[in-house]
Protein backbone atom coordinates (compact mmCIF):
# COMPACT_ATOMS: atom_id res chain seq x y z
CA MET A 1 -13.01 10.81 32.23
CA ALA A 2 -13.99 7.42 30.83
CA LEU A 3 -14.48 6.69 27.15
CA GLU A 4 -17.95 5.67 26.12
CA SER A 5 -18.33 2.37 24.31
CA VAL A 6 -19.43 2.40 20.70
CA PRO A 7 -22.68 0.72 19.63
CA ALA A 8 -22.47 -2.95 18.68
CA HIS A 9 -23.21 -2.34 14.99
CA VAL A 10 -20.39 0.24 14.75
CA GLU A 11 -17.97 -2.18 16.37
CA THR A 12 -19.04 -4.89 13.91
CA VAL A 13 -18.46 -2.56 10.95
CA ILE A 14 -15.00 -1.66 12.27
CA TYR A 15 -14.00 -5.33 12.59
CA LEU A 16 -15.41 -6.14 9.14
CA TYR A 17 -13.37 -3.27 7.71
CA PHE A 18 -10.22 -4.69 9.33
CA LEU A 19 -10.99 -8.12 7.86
CA VAL A 20 -11.51 -6.68 4.37
CA VAL A 21 -8.26 -4.69 4.54
CA ALA A 22 -6.38 -7.76 5.78
CA GLY A 23 -7.90 -9.88 3.00
CA VAL A 24 -6.92 -7.38 0.32
CA GLY A 25 -3.43 -7.16 1.78
CA CYS A 26 -3.03 -10.94 1.76
CA PHE A 27 -4.31 -11.11 -1.83
CA VAL A 28 -1.89 -8.42 -3.04
CA HIS A 29 1.00 -10.00 -1.12
CA GLY A 30 0.23 -13.40 -2.64
CA ARG A 31 0.03 -12.00 -6.17
CA LEU A 32 3.35 -10.18 -5.78
CA TRP A 33 5.02 -13.22 -4.22
CA LEU A 34 3.82 -15.56 -6.95
CA GLY A 35 4.75 -12.99 -9.60
CA ALA A 36 8.27 -12.73 -8.21
CA ARG A 37 8.58 -16.52 -8.35
CA GLY A 38 7.44 -16.56 -11.98
CA VAL A 39 4.34 -18.63 -11.28
CA SER A 40 1.43 -17.84 -13.55
CA ALA A 41 -2.17 -18.28 -12.49
CA ASP A 42 -2.79 -19.82 -15.91
CA ARG A 43 -0.21 -22.53 -16.57
CA ASP A 44 -0.62 -22.10 -20.36
CA GLU A 45 0.75 -18.56 -20.12
CA ALA A 46 3.87 -19.59 -18.25
CA VAL A 47 7.06 -19.08 -20.24
CA PRO A 48 9.26 -22.19 -20.36
CA ASN A 49 12.95 -21.90 -19.56
CA PRO A 50 14.77 -21.73 -22.93
CA ASN A 51 18.02 -22.99 -21.34
CA PRO A 52 17.33 -25.99 -19.10
CA ASP A 53 21.08 -26.45 -18.45
CA PRO A 54 21.65 -25.96 -14.69
CA ASP A 55 25.25 -24.72 -15.27
CA PRO A 56 24.97 -20.96 -15.94
CA ASN A 57 28.64 -20.64 -17.00
CA PRO A 58 29.50 -23.57 -19.25
CA ASP A 59 33.11 -23.93 -20.31
CA PRO A 60 33.15 -23.40 -24.09
CA ASP A 61 36.24 -25.61 -24.57
CA PRO A 62 36.53 -28.28 -21.86
CA ASP A 63 39.82 -29.64 -23.34
CA SER A 64 41.73 -26.36 -22.94
CA SER A 65 42.67 -26.93 -19.27
């Protein structure tokens, strides 16, 4: 028993649906990825780093060695 092919307009709608779902998925993935990196879409809303020192554990008394 062979499967009948669907009409061309139904096939087009199915592929358009796949494209829309893929587009929404890429958009959501991008928003989550940028959000996890701390990148704001509006640069004015970005929070600056209050401690620009790259050493996270500074020695409070360097002469005490």
